C-alpha cells in the first residue's frame, strides 16, 4: 500500500465532524478526566490532525500514539509535526 504523503497533506483539512467530536462529544463521554491518559490515533496520516487537534483535546494526555499503515505518512509526520508526547508508529490494524 502506498499513499503520497505530500498529496495527502494538501487535502488534510480538519472536518467539522472531527472538531465537533473532539470538542463536544468526547467531553460528554467523560474523556477529559484529570487522570493521565494514553490516546491512539489510528490512521493518523501525516500527523497534522494528531498534533493540532487530537493532542489539544486531551490536556492531560500522557502519550498520543499516532499510527498509520503507510511508512511515508509516518516519516512526514515525524518531520513536520514532532511533539514529545506523540509517538508515531507504522502499523496496520488489519494485521492485529
N, C-alpha and C. Protein backbone atom coordinates (compact mmCIF):
# COMPACT_ATOMS: atom_id res chain seq x y z
N UNK A 1 0.84 -1.16 0.00
CA UNK A 1 0.00 0.00 0.00
C UNK A 1 0.90 1.23 0.00
N UNK A 2 0.57 2.19 -0.87
CA UNK A 2 1.35 3.42 -0.91
C UNK A 2 0.41 4.60 -1.09
N UNK A 3 0.57 5.57 -0.24
CA UNK A 3 -0.14 6.83 -0.37
C UNK A 3 0.90 7.93 -0.36
N UNK A 4 0.73 8.92 -1.19
CA UNK A 4 1.66 10.04 -1.26
C UNK A 4 1.37 11.02 -0.14
N UNK A 5 2.27 11.11 0.84
CA UNK A 5 2.07 11.99 1.99
C UNK A 5 1.99 13.45 1.57
N UNK A 6 2.76 13.84 0.56
CA UNK A 6 2.72 15.23 0.11
C UNK A 6 1.36 15.59 -0.47
N UNK A 7 0.81 14.70 -1.29
CA UNK A 7 -0.51 14.93 -1.85
C UNK A 7 -1.57 14.92 -0.76
N UNK A 8 -1.46 14.00 0.17
CA UNK A 8 -2.41 13.90 1.28
C UNK A 8 -2.37 15.18 2.11
N UNK A 9 -1.19 15.74 2.32
CA UNK A 9 -1.05 16.97 3.10
C UNK A 9 -1.85 18.12 2.50
N UNK A 10 -1.96 18.16 1.18
CA UNK A 10 -2.72 19.24 0.56
C UNK A 10 -4.22 19.09 0.81
N UNK A 11 -4.66 17.88 1.14
CA UNK A 11 -6.09 17.63 1.37
C UNK A 11 -6.41 17.46 2.85
N UNK A 12 -5.42 17.46 3.70
CA UNK A 12 -5.60 17.17 5.11
C UNK A 12 -6.16 18.40 5.83
N UNK A 13 -7.46 18.55 5.80
CA UNK A 13 -8.13 19.67 6.45
C UNK A 13 -9.01 19.13 7.57
N UNK A 14 -9.09 19.82 8.69
CA UNK A 14 -9.96 19.34 9.77
C UNK A 14 -11.43 19.48 9.37
N UNK A 15 -12.11 18.41 9.39
CA UNK A 15 -13.52 18.42 9.05
C UNK A 15 -14.33 18.81 10.29
N UNK A 16 -15.44 19.46 10.06
CA UNK A 16 -16.28 19.93 11.17
C UNK A 16 -16.72 18.78 12.07
N UNK A 17 -16.96 17.62 11.51
CA UNK A 17 -17.40 16.49 12.34
C UNK A 17 -16.30 16.04 13.30
N UNK A 18 -15.04 16.11 12.86
CA UNK A 18 -13.93 15.72 13.73
C UNK A 18 -13.80 16.73 14.87
N UNK A 19 -13.86 17.99 14.54
CA UNK A 19 -13.75 19.03 15.56
C UNK A 19 -14.91 18.92 16.55
N UNK A 20 -16.12 18.70 16.05
CA UNK A 20 -17.28 18.54 16.92
C UNK A 20 -17.09 17.33 17.84
N UNK A 21 -16.64 16.22 17.29
CA UNK A 21 -16.43 15.02 18.08
C UNK A 21 -15.41 15.26 19.19
N UNK A 22 -14.29 15.88 18.85
CA UNK A 22 -13.24 16.13 19.84
C UNK A 22 -13.67 17.12 20.91
N UNK A 23 -14.34 18.19 20.51
CA UNK A 23 -14.65 19.27 21.44
C UNK A 23 -15.99 19.15 22.16
N UNK A 24 -16.92 18.41 21.58
CA UNK A 24 -18.26 18.32 22.18
C UNK A 24 -18.60 16.91 22.67
N UNK A 25 -18.41 15.93 21.79
CA UNK A 25 -18.83 14.57 22.13
C UNK A 25 -17.93 13.92 23.17
N UNK A 26 -16.62 14.00 22.99
CA UNK A 26 -15.70 13.37 23.94
C UNK A 26 -15.86 13.89 25.36
N UNK A 27 -15.97 15.20 25.59
CA UNK A 27 -16.19 15.65 26.97
C UNK A 27 -17.48 15.10 27.58
N UNK A 28 -18.52 14.98 26.77
CA UNK A 28 -19.79 14.41 27.27
C UNK A 28 -19.63 12.95 27.68
N UNK A 29 -18.68 12.27 27.03
CA UNK A 29 -18.42 10.86 27.35
C UNK A 29 -17.43 10.70 28.50
N UNK A 30 -16.93 11.82 29.03
CA UNK A 30 -16.01 11.76 30.15
C UNK A 30 -14.56 11.57 29.77
N UNK A 31 -14.20 11.93 28.57
CA UNK A 31 -12.83 11.72 28.10
C UNK A 31 -11.90 12.88 28.42
N UNK A 32 -12.33 13.80 29.23
CA UNK A 32 -11.43 14.88 29.63
C UNK A 32 -11.21 14.81 31.13
N UNK A 33 -10.76 13.68 31.58
CA UNK A 33 -10.56 13.48 33.01
C UNK A 33 -9.26 14.13 33.48
N UNK A 34 -9.08 14.15 34.79
CA UNK A 34 -7.85 14.69 35.38
C UNK A 34 -6.74 13.66 35.40
N UNK A 35 -7.03 12.44 35.00
CA UNK A 35 -6.04 11.36 35.02
C UNK A 35 -5.21 11.38 33.74
N UNK A 36 -3.92 11.03 33.85
CA UNK A 36 -3.10 10.91 32.62
C UNK A 36 -3.66 9.80 31.73
N UNK A 37 -3.78 10.08 30.46
CA UNK A 37 -4.37 9.12 29.53
C UNK A 37 -3.42 8.82 28.38
N UNK A 38 -3.60 7.65 27.79
CA UNK A 38 -2.91 7.29 26.55
C UNK A 38 -4.00 7.27 25.48
N UNK A 39 -3.77 8.01 24.41
CA UNK A 39 -4.74 8.14 23.32
C UNK A 39 -4.11 7.59 22.06
N UNK A 40 -4.91 6.95 21.22
CA UNK A 40 -4.40 6.41 19.96
C UNK A 40 -5.16 7.02 18.79
N UNK A 41 -4.41 7.48 17.81
CA UNK A 41 -4.97 7.99 16.57
C UNK A 41 -4.65 6.97 15.48
N UNK A 42 -5.63 6.18 15.12
CA UNK A 42 -5.44 5.14 14.12
C UNK A 42 -5.73 5.73 12.75
N UNK A 43 -4.76 5.59 11.84
CA UNK A 43 -4.89 6.19 10.52
C UNK A 43 -4.54 7.67 10.57
N UNK A 44 -3.45 7.97 11.27
CA UNK A 44 -3.08 9.36 11.55
C UNK A 44 -2.58 10.13 10.34
N UNK A 45 -2.25 9.44 9.27
CA UNK A 45 -1.75 10.14 8.09
C UNK A 45 -0.49 10.91 8.41
N UNK A 46 -0.33 12.12 7.85
CA UNK A 46 0.90 12.88 8.04
C UNK A 46 0.98 13.64 9.36
N UNK A 47 0.06 13.40 10.29
CA UNK A 47 0.20 13.89 11.65
C UNK A 47 -0.37 15.25 11.98
N UNK A 48 -0.89 15.97 11.02
CA UNK A 48 -1.41 17.31 11.28
C UNK A 48 -2.55 17.29 12.30
N UNK A 49 -3.53 16.46 12.06
CA UNK A 49 -4.67 16.39 12.98
C UNK A 49 -4.25 15.85 14.34
N UNK A 50 -3.32 14.93 14.35
CA UNK A 50 -2.84 14.36 15.62
C UNK A 50 -2.30 15.46 16.52
N UNK A 51 -1.43 16.29 15.96
CA UNK A 51 -0.76 17.32 16.77
C UNK A 51 -1.66 18.52 17.05
N UNK A 52 -2.38 18.99 16.06
CA UNK A 52 -3.09 20.26 16.20
C UNK A 52 -4.53 20.15 16.67
N UNK A 53 -5.11 18.95 16.66
CA UNK A 53 -6.50 18.80 17.07
C UNK A 53 -6.69 17.73 18.14
N UNK A 54 -6.10 16.55 17.95
CA UNK A 54 -6.30 15.48 18.93
C UNK A 54 -5.52 15.76 20.20
N UNK A 55 -4.25 16.11 20.10
CA UNK A 55 -3.44 16.38 21.28
C UNK A 55 -4.04 17.48 22.16
N UNK A 56 -4.46 18.62 21.61
CA UNK A 56 -5.07 19.65 22.47
C UNK A 56 -6.40 19.23 23.09
N UNK A 57 -7.08 18.27 22.48
CA UNK A 57 -8.37 17.82 23.03
C UNK A 57 -8.19 17.00 24.31
N UNK A 58 -6.97 16.56 24.58
CA UNK A 58 -6.68 15.77 25.77
C UNK A 58 -5.57 16.45 26.57
N UNK A 59 -5.91 17.47 27.38
CA UNK A 59 -4.89 18.24 28.07
C UNK A 59 -4.05 17.44 29.06
N UNK A 60 -4.55 16.32 29.54
CA UNK A 60 -3.80 15.50 30.49
C UNK A 60 -3.18 14.27 29.85
N UNK A 61 -3.05 14.30 28.54
CA UNK A 61 -2.54 13.12 27.84
C UNK A 61 -1.11 12.81 28.28
N UNK A 62 -0.89 11.55 28.55
CA UNK A 62 0.46 11.07 28.88
C UNK A 62 1.22 10.80 27.60
N UNK A 63 0.52 10.17 26.65
CA UNK A 63 1.12 9.85 25.36
C UNK A 63 0.02 9.74 24.32
N UNK A 64 0.32 10.22 23.11
CA UNK A 64 -0.56 10.03 21.96
C UNK A 64 0.18 9.13 20.98
N UNK A 65 -0.38 7.97 20.74
CA UNK A 65 0.20 7.05 19.76
C UNK A 65 -0.51 7.30 18.44
N UNK A 66 0.22 7.82 17.47
CA UNK A 66 -0.32 8.13 16.15
C UNK A 66 0.20 7.07 15.19
N UNK A 67 -0.71 6.26 14.68
CA UNK A 67 -0.27 5.16 13.81
C UNK A 67 -0.90 5.25 12.44
N UNK A 68 -0.11 4.82 11.46
CA UNK A 68 -0.59 4.74 10.09
C UNK A 68 0.09 3.55 9.43
N UNK A 69 -0.59 2.92 8.49
CA UNK A 69 -0.05 1.75 7.81
C UNK A 69 0.98 2.11 6.75
N UNK A 70 1.05 3.39 6.40
CA UNK A 70 1.94 3.83 5.35
C UNK A 70 3.17 4.51 5.94
N UNK A 71 4.33 3.92 5.69
CA UNK A 71 5.58 4.44 6.26
C UNK A 71 5.86 5.88 5.84
N UNK A 72 5.52 6.24 4.60
CA UNK A 72 5.79 7.61 4.15
C UNK A 72 4.97 8.63 4.94
N UNK A 73 3.78 8.26 5.35
CA UNK A 73 2.96 9.16 6.17
C UNK A 73 3.63 9.41 7.52
N UNK A 74 4.11 8.35 8.13
CA UNK A 74 4.75 8.46 9.44
C UNK A 74 6.07 9.24 9.33
N UNK A 75 6.80 9.02 8.26
CA UNK A 75 8.05 9.77 8.06
C UNK A 75 7.77 11.27 7.99
N UNK A 76 6.75 11.64 7.24
CA UNK A 76 6.38 13.05 7.12
C UNK A 76 5.90 13.59 8.46
N UNK A 77 5.10 12.82 9.17
CA UNK A 77 4.58 13.24 10.48
C UNK A 77 5.70 13.51 11.47
N UNK A 78 6.69 12.64 11.50
CA UNK A 78 7.82 12.81 12.42
C UNK A 78 8.59 14.10 12.14
N UNK A 79 8.71 14.44 10.87
CA UNK A 79 9.48 15.63 10.49
C UNK A 79 8.65 16.91 10.68
N UNK A 80 7.40 16.89 10.24
CA UNK A 80 6.59 18.12 10.23
C UNK A 80 5.82 18.38 11.52
N UNK A 81 5.52 17.33 12.27
CA UNK A 81 4.66 17.51 13.45
C UNK A 81 5.21 16.78 14.67
N UNK A 82 6.48 17.00 14.99
CA UNK A 82 7.03 16.34 16.17
C UNK A 82 6.46 16.94 17.46
N UNK A 83 6.39 16.11 18.46
CA UNK A 83 5.95 16.56 19.79
C UNK A 83 6.42 15.51 20.78
N UNK A 84 6.91 15.91 21.94
CA UNK A 84 7.42 14.93 22.90
C UNK A 84 6.38 13.93 23.41
N UNK A 85 5.10 14.30 23.31
CA UNK A 85 4.05 13.37 23.78
C UNK A 85 3.48 12.50 22.66
N UNK A 86 3.94 12.71 21.43
CA UNK A 86 3.43 11.92 20.30
C UNK A 86 4.46 10.87 19.90
N UNK A 87 4.00 9.64 19.83
CA UNK A 87 4.82 8.54 19.32
C UNK A 87 4.22 8.11 17.98
N UNK A 88 4.95 8.35 16.90
CA UNK A 88 4.48 7.97 15.56
C UNK A 88 4.93 6.54 15.27
N UNK A 89 4.00 5.72 14.81
CA UNK A 89 4.25 4.29 14.62
C UNK A 89 3.68 3.84 13.27
N UNK A 90 4.48 3.04 12.55
CA UNK A 90 3.98 2.40 11.35
C UNK A 90 3.34 1.09 11.78
N UNK A 91 2.04 0.98 11.57
CA UNK A 91 1.32 -0.26 11.94
C UNK A 91 0.02 -0.31 11.16
N UNK A 92 -0.42 -1.52 10.91
CA UNK A 92 -1.66 -1.75 10.20
C UNK A 92 -2.60 -2.50 11.14
N UNK A 93 -3.72 -1.89 11.48
CA UNK A 93 -4.66 -2.51 12.41
C UNK A 93 -5.22 -3.82 11.86
N UNK A 94 -5.22 -3.99 10.56
CA UNK A 94 -5.70 -5.23 9.98
C UNK A 94 -4.79 -6.40 10.28
N UNK A 95 -3.53 -6.12 10.63
CA UNK A 95 -2.58 -7.18 10.98
C UNK A 95 -2.71 -7.63 12.43
N UNK A 96 -3.50 -6.97 13.21
CA UNK A 96 -3.63 -7.26 14.65
C UNK A 96 -4.77 -8.19 14.93
